[in-house]
Amino acid sequence: MDADKEFLEYVVKALVDNPNDVKLERTVDEMGVLITLTVNPADMGKIIGRQGNTAKAIRTLLRIIGMKNNARVNLKINEPEGGMRSEGRMDAAPHQAPTLKTVDQAMEDLKGI
């Protein structure tokens, strides 16, 4: 097994409650290495972390392992069906929907600072 995939599997299985549901797929192309991670939907929060900090840390460590092996390593985390980003969930909690602004509105806001 490749060092990057082996490392990721070890870390993810240590973080989740359902380690048997962890699936990794590693592909290599001209852009480098892409590892696609699928976990049990109940474990998504543990992998993403608050404000994505856990996922960012894992990606940083994978890049370091990739540099050591002269490869560009990227991580894609598969989002489960019915995940928090899906339209159905946003409708269920409209108070959490993001407010979208035009560039002009954002520039006006910045002028007031």
C-alpha atoms as a PDB file:
ATOM      1  CA  MET A   1       0.000   0.000   0.000  1.00  0.00           C
ATOM      2  CA  ASP A   2       1.161   3.531  -0.716  1.00  0.00           C
ATOM      3  CA  ALA A   3       2.397   5.597   2.248  1.00  0.00           C
ATOM      4  CA  ASP A   4      -0.187   8.364   1.708  1.00  0.00           C
ATOM      5  CA  LYS A   5      -3.142   5.975   1.535  1.00  0.00           C
ATOM      6  CA  GLU A   6      -1.861   3.928   4.474  1.00  0.00           C
ATOM      7  CA  PHE A   7      -1.434   7.081   6.587  1.00  0.00           C
ATOM      8  CA  LEU A   8      -4.900   8.384   5.706  1.00  0.00           C
ATOM      9  CA  GLU A   9      -6.557   5.069   6.479  1.00  0.00           C
ATOM     10  CA  TYR A  10      -4.847   4.908   9.885  1.00  0.00           C
ATOM     11  CA  VAL A  11      -5.825   8.479  10.842  1.00  0.00           C
ATOM     12  CA  VAL A  12      -9.412   8.298   9.615  1.00  0.00           C
ATOM     13  CA  LYS A  13     -10.124   4.935  11.218  1.00  0.00           C
ATOM     14  CA  ALA A  14      -8.798   6.299  14.521  1.00  0.00           C
ATOM     15  CA  LEU A  15     -11.181   9.288  14.317  1.00  0.00           C
ATOM     16  CA  VAL A  16     -14.470   7.634  13.324  1.00  0.00           C
ATOM     17  CA  ASP A  17     -16.964   5.491  15.217  1.00  0.00           C
ATOM     18  CA  ASN A  18     -17.497   3.187  12.217  1.00  0.00           C
ATOM     19  CA  PRO A  19     -14.000   2.248  10.970  1.00  0.00           C
ATOM     20  CA  ASN A  20     -15.317  -0.666   8.901  1.00  0.00           C
ATOM     21  CA  ASP A  21     -17.238   1.820   6.718  1.00  0.00           C
ATOM     22  CA  VAL A  22     -14.075   3.740   5.731  1.00  0.00           C
ATOM     23  CA  LYS A  23     -13.328   3.381   2.016  1.00  0.00           C
ATOM     24  CA  LEU A  24     -10.352   4.869   0.193  1.00  0.00           C
ATOM     25  CA  GLU A  25      -9.780   5.055  -3.535  1.00  0.00           C
ATOM     26  CA  ARG A  26      -6.398   6.233  -4.852  1.00  0.00           C
ATOM     27  CA  THR A  27      -5.931   7.398  -8.435  1.00  0.00           C
ATOM     28  CA  VAL A  28      -2.880   8.889 -10.128  1.00  0.00           C
ATOM     29  CA  ASP A  29      -2.927  11.131 -13.211  1.00  0.00           C
ATOM     30  CA  GLU A  30      -0.958  14.044 -14.656  1.00  0.00           C
ATOM     31  CA  MET A  31      -2.254  16.288 -11.846  1.00  0.00           C
ATOM     32  CA  GLY A  32      -0.863  13.994  -9.142  1.00  0.00           C
ATOM     33  CA  VAL A  33      -2.466  11.678  -6.617  1.00  0.00           C
ATOM     34  CA  LEU A  34      -6.140  11.923  -5.705  1.00  0.00           C
ATOM     35  CA  ILE A  35      -7.416   9.995  -2.714  1.00  0.00           C
ATOM     36  CA  THR A  36     -11.193   9.811  -2.445  1.00  0.00           C
ATOM     37  CA  LEU A  37     -12.500   9.149   1.059  1.00  0.00           C
ATOM     38  CA  THR A  38     -15.924   7.764   1.903  1.00  0.00           C
ATOM     39  CA  VAL A  39     -17.057   7.377   5.511  1.00  0.00           C
ATOM     40  CA  ASN A  40     -20.281   6.531   7.289  1.00  0.00           C
ATOM     41  CA  PRO A  41     -22.587   9.605   7.145  1.00  0.00           C
ATOM     42  CA  ALA A  42     -22.677   9.669  10.965  1.00  0.00           C
ATOM     43  CA  ASP A  43     -18.889  10.188  10.973  1.00  0.00           C
ATOM     44  CA  MET A  44     -18.728  13.137   8.547  1.00  0.00           C
ATOM     45  CA  GLY A  45     -18.567  15.683  11.356  1.00  0.00           C
ATOM     46  CA  LYS A  46     -15.591  13.942  12.927  1.00  0.00           C
ATOM     47  CA  ILE A  47     -13.667  14.017   9.627  1.00  0.00           C
ATOM     48  CA  ILE A  48     -14.577  17.598   8.689  1.00  0.00           C
ATOM     49  CA  GLY A  49     -14.207  19.076  12.192  1.00  0.00           C
ATOM     50  CA  ARG A  50     -15.237  22.529  13.346  1.00  0.00           C
ATOM     51  CA  GLN A  51     -15.034  24.973  10.440  1.00  0.00           C
ATOM     52  CA  GLY A  52     -13.278  22.236   8.464  1.00  0.00           C
ATOM     53  CA  ASN A  53     -10.186  22.304  10.673  1.00  0.00           C
ATOM     54  CA  THR A  54      -9.762  18.529  10.917  1.00  0.00           C
ATOM     55  CA  ALA A  55     -10.080  18.079   7.151  1.00  0.00           C
ATOM     56  CA  LYS A  56      -7.596  20.935   6.579  1.00  0.00           C
ATOM     57  CA  ALA A  57      -5.094  19.343   8.959  1.00  0.00           C
ATOM     58  CA  ILE A  58      -5.414  15.944   7.267  1.00  0.00           C
ATOM     59  CA  ARG A  59      -4.941  17.555   3.841  1.00  0.00           C
ATOM     60  CA  THR A  60      -1.850  19.424   5.054  1.00  0.00           C
ATOM     61  CA  LEU A  61      -0.275  16.242   6.403  1.00  0.00           C
ATOM     62  CA  LEU A  62      -1.071  14.399   3.157  1.00  0.00           C
ATOM     63  CA  ARG A  63       0.643  17.165   1.158  1.00  0.00           C
ATOM     64  CA  ILE A  64       3.738  16.832   3.350  1.00  0.00           C
ATOM     65  CA  ILE A  65       3.811  13.067   2.806  1.00  0.00           C
ATOM     66  CA  GLY A  66       3.370  13.726  -0.921  1.00  0.00           C
ATOM     67  CA  MET A  67       6.271  16.210  -1.003  1.00  0.00           C
ATOM     68  CA  LYS A  68       8.468  13.636   0.700  1.00  0.00           C
ATOM     69  CA  ASN A  69       7.619  11.257  -2.169  1.00  0.00           C
ATOM     70  CA  ASN A  70       7.743  13.915  -4.929  1.00  0.00           C
ATOM     71  CA  ALA A  71       3.999  13.710  -5.533  1.00  0.00           C
ATOM     72  CA  ARG A  72       1.115  16.150  -5.270  1.00  0.00           C
ATOM     73  CA  VAL A  73      -1.518  14.525  -3.046  1.00  0.00           C
ATOM     74  CA  ASN A  74      -5.094  15.793  -2.856  1.00  0.00           C
ATOM     75  CA  LEU A  75      -7.981  14.536  -0.733  1.00  0.00           C
ATOM     76  CA  LYS A  76     -11.616  14.469  -1.824  1.00  0.00           C
ATOM     77  CA  ILE A  77     -14.174  13.671   0.866  1.00  0.00           C
ATOM     78  CA  ASN A  78     -17.343  12.183  -0.607  1.00  0.00           C
ATOM     79  CA  GLU A  79     -20.428  13.841   0.802  1.00  0.00           C
ATOM     80  CA  PRO A  80     -23.168  11.367   1.755  1.00  0.00           C
ATOM     81  CA  GLU A  81     -26.620  11.516   0.197  1.00  0.00           C
ATOM     82  CA  GLY A  82     -28.791  13.922   2.167  1.00  0.00           C
ATOM     83  CA  GLY A  83     -25.757  15.688   3.626  1.00  0.00           C
ATOM     84  CA  MET A  84     -25.889  19.118   5.261  1.00  0.00           C
ATOM     85  CA  ARG A  85     -25.164  20.878   1.960  1.00  0.00           C
ATOM     86  CA  SER A  86     -28.050  19.270   0.076  1.00  0.00           C
ATOM     87  CA  GLU A  87     -31.039  21.408  -0.825  1.00  0.00           C
ATOM     88  CA  GLY A  88     -33.458  19.483   1.400  1.00  0.00           C
ATOM     89  CA  ARG A  89     -31.478  20.255   4.528  1.00  0.00           C
ATOM     90  CA  MET A  90     -31.196  23.940   3.740  1.00  0.00           C
ATOM     91  CA  ASP A  91     -34.987  24.155   3.381  1.00  0.00           C
ATOM     92  CA  ALA A  92     -35.432  22.451   6.742  1.00  0.00           C
ATOM     93  CA  ALA A  93     -33.379  25.179   8.467  1.00  0.00           C
ATOM     94  CA  PRO A  94     -33.872  28.398   6.482  1.00  0.00           C
ATOM     95  CA  HIS A  95     -32.373  30.546   9.265  1.00  0.00           C
ATOM     96  CA  GLN A  96     -28.997  28.931   8.493  1.00  0.00           C
ATOM     97  CA  ALA A  97     -29.087  29.653   4.753  1.00  0.00           C
ATOM     98  CA  PRO A  98     -26.122  31.773   3.648  1.00  0.00           C
ATOM     99  CA  THR A  99     -26.760  35.342   2.607  1.00  0.00           C
ATOM    100  CA  LEU A 100     -25.465  35.962  -0.881  1.00  0.00           C
ATOM    101  CA  LYS A 101     -24.330  39.441  -1.906  1.00  0.00           C
ATOM    102  CA  THR A 102     -23.317  40.865  -5.207  1.00  0.00           C
ATOM    103  CA  VAL A 103     -19.800  42.150  -5.634  1.00  0.00           C
ATOM    104  CA  ASP A 104     -21.177  45.714  -5.627  1.00  0.00           C
ATOM    105  CA  GLN A 105     -22.966  45.148  -2.303  1.00  0.00           C
ATOM    106  CA  ALA A 106     -19.833  43.677  -0.769  1.00  0.00           C
ATOM    107  CA  MET A 107     -17.756  46.650  -1.992  1.00  0.00           C
ATOM    108  CA  GLU A 108     -20.286  49.069  -0.440  1.00  0.00           C
ATOM    109  CA  ASP A 109     -19.999  47.222   2.862  1.00  0.00           C
ATOM    110  CA  LEU A 110     -16.212  47.509   2.731  1.00  0.00           C
ATOM    111  CA  LYS A 111     -16.371  51.275   2.110  1.00  0.00           C
ATOM    112  CA  GLY A 112     -18.098  51.739   5.433  1.00  0.00           C
ATOM    113  CA  ILE A 113     -15.205  50.150   7.335  1.00  0.00           C
END
